[in-house]
Structure formats: C-alpha cells, structure tokens
Amino acid sequence: MDLFLSFWGPTEIAHTIISWEFDDGRPLAISIETRKAKGESYSTLRGFFRQYELYYVVADERDLVGLRTNYRGEQVYLYRIRIPIQQARALLIDYLTKVNRLADHPQWYNALTQNCTTTIRGHAQHAGAGGHFDWRLLANGRVDQLLYERHQIDTDIPFDDLRSRSNITEKARAAGDVSDFSDRIRDGLPKARAQL
C-alpha cells in the first residue's frame, strides 16, 4: 500500500491518495474528493458548508497521478506504507464498502471533518489501525513527517533524504502514458516492506 501527496500550491495542505498493489503488480488508486457539478469550481470556504458531495475516484495510478503531474502541474510525492498485509486488505475492503454505500446514501464532503485525509484516518481506524489524532492530519502537507515519526514509512534514511527521493513529479511527467507508469514512478524509492 502506498500514499501519494499532491501539492497544488500551499505546502501545508496536500491532496492524499492511497494505492494498493496486487499480486499482478498493477496498483489500484483511490482518491477521496468533492463531486462538483459541471462548470462548478472548488472553494475551500464552501467546502465547510455542504456544497459538495463526497466522491471516491477509483482508477489507475496513471490516471490519478498523471492528471496531477502532467496536466495540473502539481508536485507529487510517493511513500511506501509499512502496514501488515491483512490491514492493507481490510483498509481496501472498508474503502470499497464505503464506495458502494455512497451509491445509495450520498454524503457531504467537509473541508475539515470529511476530507481526503481525515476520511482516510476513519477508514484506517475501521481496519484496525491505532494512533492518536495529530494536527498534521489537518495540515496534511506534513503527514509524511507524522508517518516517518510513527515508522509507517521508510526510516532507514534521514527524513529530508526520503522526502527528496519521494518526489516523483519528474518521473511521472517523463513516463507520460506508458503501460509501466507505476513501475517507473517507483524507480529509486525504498522497497516496500510488508509487515506480517
């Protein structure tokens, strides 16, 4: 399981995406977002007041990450998450259960309580993950620091080095629309270490 942090401007706030890799090597990415009507743009202020429906985008990494790096000009970082395989599987099942539930029972997005990162935390708790609430879940541009402190990402190298290596923006731009996009953006990253 991997985490993407995508920065479009301010460095204290990022968009988070979770991705699961399967035995065949093809990752499935899920992004928790606002569902906007045609012609509607996002407003952080309006995001606090039931203006957007909660929406899960389930897609190939090439689509979700490539959109951000190659078309929107965002900076994207990729971190290999260290959690037990059973917990990663439970997290995916919890996500998909929510996706199916939203089809019949829509919910509102909330920029503070039901956003791309706080919603991940709720799923993680349902999947058996511990950990107390931390302010970096709200200033999620620093959630990688939190994961490093909790040893949930590679800690074999200093954090600043890991963060530099985790910037996959140029690799994603160079990869474009190739079929091995996911392999190329992981080139040079610390290997994933699943916990049993």
Protein backbone atom coordinates (compact mmCIF):
# COMPACT_ATOMS: atom_id res chain seq x y z
CA MET A 1 0.00 0.00 0.00
CA ASP A 2 1.30 3.45 -0.90
CA LEU A 3 0.43 7.07 -0.16
CA PHE A 4 0.63 9.94 -2.63
CA LEU A 5 0.80 13.58 -1.50
CA SER A 6 -0.05 16.06 -4.24
CA PHE A 7 0.72 19.77 -3.77
CA TRP A 8 -1.02 22.33 -5.98
CA GLY A 9 0.15 25.46 -4.17
CA PRO A 10 0.39 25.84 -0.40
CA THR A 11 2.88 23.45 1.17
CA GLU A 12 0.90 22.96 4.38
CA ILE A 13 -2.01 21.38 2.51
CA ALA A 14 -1.88 18.48 0.06
CA HIS A 15 -4.26 16.08 -1.61
CA THR A 16 -3.81 12.49 -0.41
CA ILE A 17 -4.35 9.36 -2.48
CA ILE A 18 -3.97 5.74 -1.36
CA SER A 19 -2.92 2.98 -3.74
CA TRP A 20 -2.90 -0.79 -3.33
CA GLU A 21 -0.60 -3.07 -5.30
CA PHE A 22 -1.90 -6.52 -6.23
CA ASP A 23 -0.05 -9.77 -6.98
CA ASP A 24 -0.10 -8.97 -10.70
CA GLY A 25 1.78 -5.73 -9.92
CA ARG A 26 -1.00 -3.43 -11.12
CA PRO A 27 -1.89 -0.84 -8.47
CA LEU A 28 -5.39 0.45 -7.83
CA ALA A 29 -5.56 4.04 -6.61
CA ILE A 30 -8.44 5.66 -4.75
CA SER A 31 -8.81 9.40 -4.30
CA ILE A 32 -11.38 10.91 -1.94
CA GLU A 33 -12.66 14.13 -3.48
CA THR A 34 -15.52 16.56 -3.91
CA ARG A 35 -18.05 15.88 -6.61
CA LYS A 36 -18.58 19.12 -8.45
CA ALA A 37 -21.38 19.93 -10.87
CA LYS A 38 -20.45 20.79 -14.45
CA GLY A 39 -18.93 24.27 -14.53
CA GLU A 40 -18.54 24.41 -10.74
CA SER A 41 -15.11 25.11 -9.24
CA TYR A 42 -13.85 24.20 -5.79
CA SER A 43 -13.87 26.73 -2.98
CA THR A 44 -12.26 25.84 0.36
CA LEU A 45 -14.69 28.11 2.17
CA ARG A 46 -17.71 26.49 0.52
CA GLY A 47 -16.17 23.10 1.38
CA PHE A 48 -17.15 23.70 5.02
CA PHE A 49 -20.85 24.19 4.23
CA ARG A 50 -22.37 21.15 2.50
CA GLN A 51 -21.77 22.42 -1.00
CA TYR A 52 -20.11 19.32 -2.48
CA GLU A 53 -20.92 15.64 -2.35
CA LEU A 54 -18.27 13.21 -1.12
CA TYR A 55 -16.86 11.27 -4.06
CA TYR A 56 -14.36 8.41 -4.42
CA VAL A 57 -12.39 8.15 -7.66
CA VAL A 58 -11.22 4.56 -8.22
CA ALA A 59 -8.67 4.46 -11.02
CA ASP A 60 -5.30 3.51 -12.41
CA GLU A 61 -2.36 5.46 -10.94
CA ARG A 62 -1.54 6.69 -14.43
CA ASP A 63 -4.89 8.49 -14.47
CA LEU A 64 -4.95 9.88 -10.92
CA VAL A 65 -1.28 10.77 -10.56
CA GLY A 66 -0.65 11.63 -14.21
CA LEU A 67 -3.54 14.10 -14.13
CA ARG A 68 -1.89 15.93 -11.27
CA THR A 69 1.72 15.91 -12.51
CA ASN A 70 1.28 16.15 -16.27
CA TYR A 71 -1.82 18.31 -16.67
CA ARG A 72 -2.31 20.29 -13.47
CA GLY A 73 1.40 20.92 -12.83
CA GLU A 74 1.27 19.67 -9.25
CA GLN A 75 4.21 18.31 -7.22
CA VAL A 76 3.57 14.70 -6.18
CA TYR A 77 5.36 12.59 -3.56
CA LEU A 78 5.05 8.81 -3.18
CA TYR A 79 5.63 6.94 0.09
CA ARG A 80 5.63 3.16 0.56
CA ILE A 81 3.49 2.46 3.65
CA ARG A 82 4.53 -0.17 6.18
CA ILE A 83 1.46 -1.96 7.48
CA PRO A 84 0.54 -5.62 7.79
CA ILE A 85 -0.88 -7.12 4.61
CA GLN A 86 -4.09 -8.06 6.41
CA GLN A 87 -4.57 -4.46 7.50
CA ALA A 88 -3.95 -3.14 3.96
CA ARG A 89 -6.55 -5.62 2.70
CA ALA A 90 -9.04 -4.62 5.42
CA LEU A 91 -8.49 -0.96 4.54
CA LEU A 92 -9.25 -1.61 0.85
CA ILE A 93 -12.40 -3.55 1.75
CA ASP A 94 -13.52 -0.69 4.01
CA TYR A 95 -12.95 1.80 1.18
CA LEU A 96 -14.94 -0.31 -1.28
CA THR A 97 -17.75 -0.82 1.22
CA LYS A 98 -17.98 2.98 1.53
CA VAL A 99 -17.95 3.41 -2.25
CA ASN A 100 -20.90 1.03 -2.56
CA ARG A 101 -22.72 2.70 0.35
CA LEU A 102 -22.32 6.17 -1.22
CA ALA A 103 -24.14 4.95 -4.32
CA ASP A 104 -27.33 4.59 -2.27
CA HIS A 105 -26.67 7.05 0.55
CA PRO A 106 -24.73 10.14 -0.63
CA GLN A 107 -22.81 12.16 1.95
CA TRP A 108 -21.46 15.68 2.09
CA TYR A 109 -17.79 16.49 1.81
CA ASN A 110 -16.48 18.71 4.61
CA ALA A 111 -13.15 20.51 4.22
CA LEU A 112 -12.33 19.86 7.88
CA THR A 113 -14.03 16.68 9.07
CA GLN A 114 -14.69 14.64 5.89
CA ASN A 115 -11.82 15.45 3.53
CA CYS A 116 -9.22 13.43 1.62
CA THR A 117 -7.06 12.81 4.72
CA THR A 118 -9.43 12.73 7.69
CA THR A 119 -11.58 10.23 5.79
CA ILE A 120 -8.52 8.00 5.28
CA ARG A 121 -7.98 8.10 9.04
CA GLY A 122 -11.56 6.92 9.59
CA HIS A 123 -11.02 4.03 7.18
CA ALA A 124 -7.73 3.15 8.89
CA GLN A 125 -9.45 3.03 12.27
CA HIS A 126 -12.13 0.71 10.87
CA ALA A 127 -9.32 -1.50 9.54
CA GLY A 128 -7.73 -1.77 12.99
CA ALA A 129 -5.04 0.91 12.83
CA GLY A 130 -4.23 2.68 16.03
CA GLY A 131 -2.65 6.06 16.52
CA HIS A 132 -3.93 9.17 18.18
CA PHE A 133 -5.15 12.23 16.32
CA ASP A 134 -2.35 14.60 15.27
CA TRP A 135 -2.58 18.16 13.95
CA ARG A 136 -0.72 17.06 10.79
CA LEU A 137 -3.84 15.21 9.69
CA LEU A 138 -5.33 18.67 9.15
CA ALA A 139 -2.15 20.35 7.89
CA ASN A 140 -1.73 17.25 5.75
CA GLY A 141 1.19 18.62 3.78
CA ARG A 142 3.18 17.35 6.74
CA VAL A 143 1.53 13.95 7.10
CA ASP A 144 4.72 12.36 5.72
CA GLN A 145 6.58 13.65 8.81
CA LEU A 146 3.93 12.06 11.02
CA LEU A 147 4.24 8.72 9.19
CA TYR A 148 8.03 8.90 9.50
CA GLU A 149 7.82 9.52 13.24
CA ARG A 150 5.44 6.57 13.58
CA HIS A 151 7.76 4.35 11.48
CA GLN A 152 4.99 3.76 8.94
CA ILE A 153 7.27 4.76 6.05
CA ASP A 154 10.97 4.06 5.49
CA THR A 155 13.11 5.35 8.36
CA ASP A 156 16.42 3.86 7.23
CA ILE A 157 17.46 7.22 5.78
CA PRO A 158 17.01 10.76 7.16
CA PHE A 159 13.56 12.22 6.55
CA ASP A 160 14.80 15.03 4.27
CA ASP A 161 16.56 12.47 2.04
CA LEU A 162 13.46 10.29 1.92
CA ARG A 163 11.28 13.27 1.04
CA SER A 164 13.64 14.27 -1.77
CA ARG A 165 13.67 10.74 -3.20
CA SER A 166 9.88 10.51 -2.85
CA ASN A 167 9.24 13.44 -5.19
CA ILE A 168 8.07 11.55 -8.28
CA THR A 169 6.91 14.57 -10.27
CA GLU A 170 9.59 14.49 -12.97
CA LYS A 171 9.46 10.69 -13.27
CA ALA A 172 5.68 10.85 -13.76
CA ARG A 173 5.99 13.59 -16.38
CA ALA A 174 8.66 11.64 -18.24
CA ALA A 175 6.62 8.43 -18.09
CA GLY A 176 3.57 10.05 -19.66
CA ASP A 177 1.02 7.42 -20.64
CA VAL A 178 3.25 4.32 -20.75
CA SER A 179 1.86 1.00 -19.57
CA ASP A 180 4.56 0.61 -16.88
CA PHE A 181 3.86 4.07 -15.38
CA SER A 182 3.57 2.69 -11.83
CA ASP A 183 6.93 0.89 -12.05
CA ARG A 184 8.67 3.96 -13.43
CA ILE A 185 7.47 6.32 -10.71
CA ARG A 186 8.70 3.86 -8.05
CA ASP A 187 12.20 3.60 -9.53
CA GLY A 188 14.72 4.69 -6.89
CA LEU A 189 12.26 4.59 -3.98
CA PRO A 190 12.91 2.44 -0.92
CA LYS A 191 11.44 -1.01 -1.40
CA ALA A 192 8.10 -1.73 0.22
CA ARG A 193 8.38 -3.85 3.34
CA ALA A 194 5.12 -5.53 4.19
CA GLN A 195 4.74 -6.38 7.85
CA LEU A 196 3.42 -9.83 8.59
